[in-house]
Amino acid sequence: MDTAPVLELTRGEILERIERGARRRLGMSARELLCAYRHGRLDDPGAVADLLVLADLLAPDDPVLSDA
């Protein structure tokens, strides 16, 4: 039985991907993106759904989520 490859990311790699995507697509930091999403101020969350899913991989008490 074939299994799909597994991609493992460190916290730093996850944050770097979110940061890069948020800056490129929305001109904001990862922290700003997550805060806007959590407070319902993100105009089109679907446009950054991949970044939001990555954020769900972080621990609930991760510092980047503290202001979100």
PDB file of N, CA and C in Angstrom:
ATOM      1  N   MET A   1       0.833  -1.174   0.000  1.00  0.00           N
ATOM      2  CA  MET A   1       0.000   0.000   0.000  1.00  0.00           C
ATOM      3  C   MET A   1       0.884   1.246   0.000  1.00  0.00           C
ATOM      4  N   ASP A   2       0.660   2.127  -0.946  1.00  0.00           N
ATOM      5  CA  ASP A   2       1.413   3.373  -1.007  1.00  0.00           C
ATOM      6  C   ASP A   2       0.831   4.380  -0.026  1.00  0.00           C
ATOM      7  N   THR A   3       1.686   5.130   0.573  1.00  0.00           N
ATOM      8  CA  THR A   3       1.225   6.184   1.468  1.00  0.00           C
ATOM      9  C   THR A   3       1.686   7.523   0.916  1.00  0.00           C
ATOM     10  N   ALA A   4       0.919   8.534   1.189  1.00  0.00           N
ATOM     11  CA  ALA A   4       1.273   9.878   0.739  1.00  0.00           C
ATOM     12  C   ALA A   4       2.480  10.364   1.526  1.00  0.00           C
ATOM     13  N   PRO A   5       3.344  11.144   0.891  1.00  0.00           N
ATOM     14  CA  PRO A   5       4.490  11.685   1.625  1.00  0.00           C
ATOM     15  C   PRO A   5       4.018  12.643   2.713  1.00  0.00           C
ATOM     16  N   VAL A   6       4.792  12.711   3.754  1.00  0.00           N
ATOM     17  CA  VAL A   6       4.465  13.570   4.891  1.00  0.00           C
ATOM     18  C   VAL A   6       5.435  14.747   4.893  1.00  0.00           C
ATOM     19  N   LEU A   7       4.893  15.934   5.035  1.00  0.00           N
ATOM     20  CA  LEU A   7       5.707  17.130   5.134  1.00  0.00           C
ATOM     21  C   LEU A   7       5.678  17.593   6.584  1.00  0.00           C
ATOM     22  N   GLU A   8       6.829  17.660   7.183  1.00  0.00           N
ATOM     23  CA  GLU A   8       6.918  18.129   8.563  1.00  0.00           C
ATOM     24  C   GLU A   8       7.512  19.532   8.553  1.00  0.00           C
ATOM     25  N   LEU A   9       6.876  20.435   9.278  1.00  0.00           N
ATOM     26  CA  LEU A   9       7.336  21.814   9.362  1.00  0.00           C
ATOM     27  C   LEU A   9       7.591  22.189  10.817  1.00  0.00           C
ATOM     28  N   THR A  10       8.649  22.912  11.038  1.00  0.00           N
ATOM     29  CA  THR A  10       8.907  23.446  12.380  1.00  0.00           C
ATOM     30  C   THR A  10       8.023  24.674  12.587  1.00  0.00           C
ATOM     31  N   ARG A  11       7.939  25.128  13.812  1.00  0.00           N
ATOM     32  CA  ARG A  11       7.189  26.353  14.109  1.00  0.00           C
ATOM     33  C   ARG A  11       7.720  27.500  13.262  1.00  0.00           C
ATOM     34  N   GLY A  12       9.031  27.615  13.178  1.00  0.00           N
ATOM     35  CA  GLY A  12       9.644  28.688  12.397  1.00  0.00           C
ATOM     36  C   GLY A  12       9.283  28.623  10.926  1.00  0.00           C
ATOM     37  N   GLU A  13       9.250  27.428  10.383  1.00  0.00           N
ATOM     38  CA  GLU A  13       8.886  27.263   8.975  1.00  0.00           C
ATOM     39  C   GLU A  13       7.417  27.617   8.735  1.00  0.00           C
ATOM     40  N   ILE A  14       6.567  27.237   9.673  1.00  0.00           N
ATOM     41  CA  ILE A  14       5.141  27.577   9.553  1.00  0.00           C
ATOM     42  C   ILE A  14       4.975  29.092   9.574  1.00  0.00           C
ATOM     43  N   LEU A  15       5.598  29.743  10.544  1.00  0.00           N
ATOM     44  CA  LEU A  15       5.482  31.201  10.664  1.00  0.00           C
ATOM     45  C   LEU A  15       6.064  31.908   9.449  1.00  0.00           C
ATOM     46  N   GLU A  16       7.156  31.395   8.921  1.00  0.00           N
ATOM     47  CA  GLU A  16       7.782  32.013   7.757  1.00  0.00           C
ATOM     48  C   GLU A  16       6.861  31.928   6.541  1.00  0.00           C
ATOM     49  N   ARG A  17       6.198  30.807   6.366  1.00  0.00           N
ATOM     50  CA  ARG A  17       5.257  30.656   5.244  1.00  0.00           C
ATOM     51  C   ARG A  17       4.056  31.582   5.398  1.00  0.00           C
ATOM     52  N   ILE A  18       3.539  31.685   6.618  1.00  0.00           N
ATOM     53  CA  ILE A  18       2.408  32.585   6.851  1.00  0.00           C
ATOM     54  C   ILE A  18       2.842  34.029   6.631  1.00  0.00           C
ATOM     55  N   GLU A  19       3.984  34.398   7.182  1.00  0.00           N
ATOM     56  CA  GLU A  19       4.503  35.764   7.055  1.00  0.00           C
ATOM     57  C   GLU A  19       4.708  36.140   5.588  1.00  0.00           C
ATOM     58  N   ARG A  20       5.371  35.278   4.858  1.00  0.00           N
ATOM     59  CA  ARG A  20       5.653  35.552   3.445  1.00  0.00           C
ATOM     60  C   ARG A  20       4.357  35.688   2.642  1.00  0.00           C
ATOM     61  N   GLY A  21       3.422  34.774   2.860  1.00  0.00           N
ATOM     62  CA  GLY A  21       2.152  34.818   2.146  1.00  0.00           C
ATOM     63  C   GLY A  21       1.319  36.037   2.500  1.00  0.00           C
ATOM     64  N   ALA A  22       1.272  36.372   3.785  1.00  0.00           N
ATOM     65  CA  ALA A  22       0.489  37.525   4.229  1.00  0.00           C
ATOM     66  C   ALA A  22       1.066  38.817   3.660  1.00  0.00           C
ATOM     67  N   ARG A  23       2.379  38.940   3.669  1.00  0.00           N
ATOM     68  CA  ARG A  23       3.010  40.154   3.132  1.00  0.00           C
ATOM     69  C   ARG A  23       2.790  40.265   1.623  1.00  0.00           C
ATOM     70  N   ARG A  24       2.976  39.159   0.916  1.00  0.00           N
ATOM     71  CA  ARG A  24       2.847  39.173  -0.537  1.00  0.00           C
ATOM     72  C   ARG A  24       1.402  39.432  -0.974  1.00  0.00           C
ATOM     73  N   ARG A  25       0.448  38.772  -0.336  1.00  0.00           N
ATOM     74  CA  ARG A  25      -0.942  38.860  -0.779  1.00  0.00           C
ATOM     75  C   ARG A  25      -1.716  40.033  -0.202  1.00  0.00           C
ATOM     76  N   LEU A  26      -1.436  40.388   1.056  1.00  0.00           N
ATOM     77  CA  LEU A  26      -2.251  41.402   1.727  1.00  0.00           C
ATOM     78  C   LEU A  26      -1.457  42.602   2.227  1.00  0.00           C
ATOM     79  N   GLY A  27      -0.134  42.533   2.152  1.00  0.00           N
ATOM     80  CA  GLY A  27       0.684  43.633   2.642  1.00  0.00           C
ATOM     81  C   GLY A  27       0.637  43.785   4.147  1.00  0.00           C
ATOM     82  N   MET A  28       0.450  42.670   4.861  1.00  0.00           N
ATOM     83  CA  MET A  28       0.420  42.723   6.320  1.00  0.00           C
ATOM     84  C   MET A  28       1.256  41.589   6.896  1.00  0.00           C
ATOM     85  N   SER A  29       1.565  41.696   8.162  1.00  0.00           N
ATOM     86  CA  SER A  29       2.351  40.659   8.836  1.00  0.00           C
ATOM     87  C   SER A  29       1.470  39.455   9.167  1.00  0.00           C
ATOM     88  N   ALA A  30       2.106  38.378   9.548  1.00  0.00           N
ATOM     89  CA  ALA A  30       1.368  37.185   9.974  1.00  0.00           C
ATOM     90  C   ALA A  30       0.489  37.516  11.173  1.00  0.00           C
ATOM     91  N   ARG A  31       1.028  38.242  12.124  1.00  0.00           N
ATOM     92  CA  ARG A  31       0.268  38.617  13.319  1.00  0.00           C
ATOM     93  C   ARG A  31      -0.946  39.468  12.945  1.00  0.00           C
ATOM     94  N   GLU A  32      -0.746  40.428  12.049  1.00  0.00           N
ATOM     95  CA  GLU A  32      -1.859  41.281  11.609  1.00  0.00           C
ATOM     96  C   GLU A  32      -2.933  40.464  10.883  1.00  0.00           C
ATOM     97  N   LEU A  33      -2.498  39.539  10.058  1.00  0.00           N
ATOM     98  CA  LEU A  33      -3.431  38.668   9.338  1.00  0.00           C
ATOM     99  C   LEU A  33      -4.275  37.862  10.309  1.00  0.00           C
ATOM    100  N   LEU A  34      -3.632  37.225  11.272  1.00  0.00           N
ATOM    101  CA  LEU A  34      -4.357  36.373  12.216  1.00  0.00           C
ATOM    102  C   LEU A  34      -5.277  37.187  13.115  1.00  0.00           C
ATOM    103  N   CYS A  35      -4.846  38.370  13.495  1.00  0.00           N
ATOM    104  CA  CYS A  35      -5.690  39.249  14.313  1.00  0.00           C
ATOM    105  C   CYS A  35      -6.924  39.686  13.519  1.00  0.00           C
ATOM    106  N   ALA A  36      -6.720  40.089  12.276  1.00  0.00           N
ATOM    107  CA  ALA A  36      -7.841  40.510  11.431  1.00  0.00           C
ATOM    108  C   ALA A  36      -8.828  39.363  11.243  1.00  0.00           C
ATOM    109  N   TYR A  37      -8.309  38.167  11.051  1.00  0.00           N
ATOM    110  CA  TYR A  37      -9.185  37.007  10.870  1.00  0.00           C
ATOM    111  C   TYR A  37      -9.991  36.722  12.144  1.00  0.00           C
ATOM    112  N   ARG A  38      -9.313  36.694  13.270  1.00  0.00           N
ATOM    113  CA  ARG A  38      -9.976  36.368  14.540  1.00  0.00           C
ATOM    114  C   ARG A  38     -11.039  37.392  14.934  1.00  0.00           C
ATOM    115  N   HIS A  39     -10.868  38.631  14.470  1.00  0.00           N
ATOM    116  CA  HIS A  39     -11.809  39.694  14.827  1.00  0.00           C
ATOM    117  C   HIS A  39     -12.790  40.008  13.699  1.00  0.00           C
ATOM    118  N   GLY A  40     -12.828  39.143  12.680  1.00  0.00           N
ATOM    119  CA  GLY A  40     -13.787  39.300  11.595  1.00  0.00           C
ATOM    120  C   GLY A  40     -13.530  40.491  10.694  1.00  0.00           C
ATOM    121  N   ARG A  41     -12.292  40.946  10.639  1.00  0.00           N
ATOM    122  CA  ARG A  41     -11.965  42.115   9.823  1.00  0.00           C
ATOM    123  C   ARG A  41     -11.211  41.757   8.550  1.00  0.00           C
ATOM    124  N   LEU A  42     -11.190  40.491   8.201  1.00  0.00           N
ATOM    125  CA  LEU A  42     -10.501  40.052   6.993  1.00  0.00           C
ATOM    126  C   LEU A  42     -11.530  39.977   5.872  1.00  0.00           C
ATOM    127  N   ASP A  43     -11.364  40.800   4.850  1.00  0.00           N
ATOM    128  CA  ASP A  43     -12.361  40.920   3.784  1.00  0.00           C
ATOM    129  C   ASP A  43     -12.649  39.594   3.075  1.00  0.00           C
ATOM    130  N   ASP A  44     -11.607  38.842   2.743  1.00  0.00           N
ATOM    131  CA  ASP A  44     -11.799  37.604   1.985  1.00  0.00           C
ATOM    132  C   ASP A  44     -10.933  36.492   2.576  1.00  0.00           C
ATOM    133  N   PRO A  45     -11.380  35.863   3.663  1.00  0.00           N
ATOM    134  CA  PRO A  45     -10.572  34.822   4.297  1.00  0.00           C
ATOM    135  C   PRO A  45     -10.266  33.656   3.359  1.00  0.00           C
ATOM    136  N   GLY A  46     -11.141  33.405   2.415  1.00  0.00           N
ATOM    137  CA  GLY A  46     -10.910  32.312   1.480  1.00  0.00           C
ATOM    138  C   GLY A  46      -9.666  32.506   0.635  1.00  0.00           C
ATOM    139  N   ALA A  47      -9.284  33.754   0.421  1.00  0.00           N
ATOM    140  CA  ALA A  47      -8.105  34.050  -0.390  1.00  0.00           C
ATOM    141  C   ALA A  47      -6.804  33.664   0.325  1.00  0.00           C
ATOM    142  N   VAL A  48      -6.882  33.504   1.637  1.00  0.00           N
ATOM    143  CA  VAL A  48      -5.694  33.124   2.416  1.00  0.00           C
ATOM    144  C   VAL A  48      -5.988  31.901   3.283  1.00  0.00           C
ATOM    145  N   ALA A  49      -6.918  31.084   2.838  1.00  0.00           N
ATOM    146  CA  ALA A  49      -7.316  29.905   3.619  1.00  0.00           C
ATOM    147  C   ALA A  49      -6.129  28.996   3.906  1.00  0.00           C
ATOM    148  N   ASP A  50      -5.208  28.877   2.963  1.00  0.00           N
ATOM    149  CA  ASP A  50      -4.037  28.026   3.177  1.00  0.00           C
ATOM    150  C   ASP A  50      -3.186  28.546   4.330  1.00  0.00           C
ATOM    151  N   LEU A  51      -3.086  29.860   4.455  1.00  0.00           N
ATOM    152  CA  LEU A  51      -2.310  30.447   5.555  1.00  0.00           C
ATOM    153  C   LEU A  51      -3.016  30.255   6.889  1.00  0.00           C
ATOM    154  N   LEU A  52      -4.329  30.366   6.868  1.00  0.00           N
ATOM    155  CA  LEU A  52      -5.104  30.166   8.091  1.00  0.00           C
ATOM    156  C   LEU A  52      -5.031  28.715   8.564  1.00  0.00           C
ATOM    157  N   VAL A  53      -5.012  27.787   7.625  1.00  0.00           N
ATOM    158  CA  VAL A  53      -4.876  26.373   7.985  1.00  0.00           C
ATOM    159  C   VAL A  53      -3.501  26.124   8.598  1.00  0.00           C
ATOM    160  N   LEU A  54      -2.474  26.743   8.036  1.00  0.00           N
ATOM    161  CA  LEU A  54      -1.140  26.607   8.624  1.00  0.00           C
ATOM    162  C   LEU A  54      -1.129  27.124  10.061  1.00  0.00           C
ATOM    163  N   ALA A  55      -1.817  28.229  10.305  1.00  0.00           N
ATOM    164  CA  ALA A  55      -1.871  28.799  11.657  1.00  0.00           C
ATOM    165  C   ALA A  55      -2.518  27.827  12.634  1.00  0.00           C
ATOM    166  N   ASP A  56      -3.440  27.010  12.147  1.00  0.00           N
ATOM    167  CA  ASP A  56      -4.081  26.017  13.024  1.00  0.00           C
ATOM    168  C   ASP A  56      -3.101  24.938  13.483  1.00  0.00           C
ATOM    169  N   LEU A  57      -1.957  24.829  12.822  1.00  0.00           N
ATOM    170  CA  LEU A  57      -0.949  23.853  13.234  1.00  0.00           C
ATOM    171  C   LEU A  57      -0.131  24.343  14.427  1.00  0.00           C
ATOM    172  N   LEU A  58      -0.226  25.631  14.718  1.00  0.00           N
ATOM    173  CA  LEU A  58       0.508  26.192  15.853  1.00  0.00           C
ATOM    174  C   LEU A  58      -0.214  25.863  17.156  1.00  0.00           C
ATOM    175  N   ALA A  59       0.541  25.831  18.227  1.00  0.00           N
ATOM    176  CA  ALA A  59      -0.054  25.597  19.541  1.00  0.00           C
ATOM    177  C   ALA A  59      -1.020  26.725  19.880  1.00  0.00           C
ATOM    178  N   PRO A  60      -2.105  26.431  20.576  1.00  0.00           N
ATOM    179  CA  PRO A  60      -3.091  27.473  20.914  1.00  0.00           C
ATOM    180  C   PRO A  60      -2.487  28.646  21.696  1.00  0.00           C
ATOM    181  N   ASP A  61      -1.424  28.396  22.436  1.00  0.00           N
ATOM    182  CA  ASP A  61      -0.798  29.465  23.217  1.00  0.00           C
ATOM    183  C   ASP A  61       0.441  30.055  22.541  1.00  0.00           C
ATOM    184  N   ASP A  62       0.568  29.830  21.236  1.00  0.00           N
ATOM    185  CA  ASP A  62       1.716  30.370  20.506  1.00  0.00           C
ATOM    186  C   ASP A  62       1.710  31.894  20.585  1.00  0.00           C
ATOM    187  N   PRO A  63       2.876  32.504  20.799  1.00  0.00           N
ATOM    188  CA  PRO A  63       2.941  33.961  20.932  1.00  0.00           C
ATOM    189  C   PRO A  63       2.366  34.729  19.738  1.00  0.00           C
ATOM    190  N   VAL A  64       2.478  34.203  18.542  1.00  0.00           N
ATOM    191  CA  VAL A  64       1.951  34.923  17.372  1.00  0.00           C
ATOM    192  C   VAL A  64       0.417  35.026  17.426  1.00  0.00           C
ATOM    193  N   LEU A  65      -0.191  34.166  18.199  1.00  0.00           N
ATOM    194  CA  LEU A  65      -1.638  34.194  18.346  1.00  0.00           C
ATOM    195  C   LEU A  65      -2.093  34.997  19.558  1.00  0.00           C
ATOM    196  N   SER A  66      -1.151  35.468  20.352  1.00  0.00           N
ATOM    197  CA  SER A  66      -1.514  36.115  21.611  1.00  0.00           C
ATOM    198  C   SER A  66      -2.348  37.380  21.416  1.00  0.00           C
ATOM    199  N   ASP A  67      -2.069  38.150  20.375  1.00  0.00           N
ATOM    200  CA  ASP A  67      -2.841  39.362  20.113  1.00  0.00           C
ATOM    201  C   ASP A  67      -4.019  39.098  19.202  1.00  0.00           C
ATOM    202  N   ALA A  68      -4.038  37.911  18.618  1.00  0.00           N
ATOM    203  CA  ALA A  68      -5.118  37.569  17.684  1.00  0.00           C
ATOM    204  C   ALA A  68      -6.295  37.207  18.483  1.00  0.00           C
TER     205      ALA A  68
END
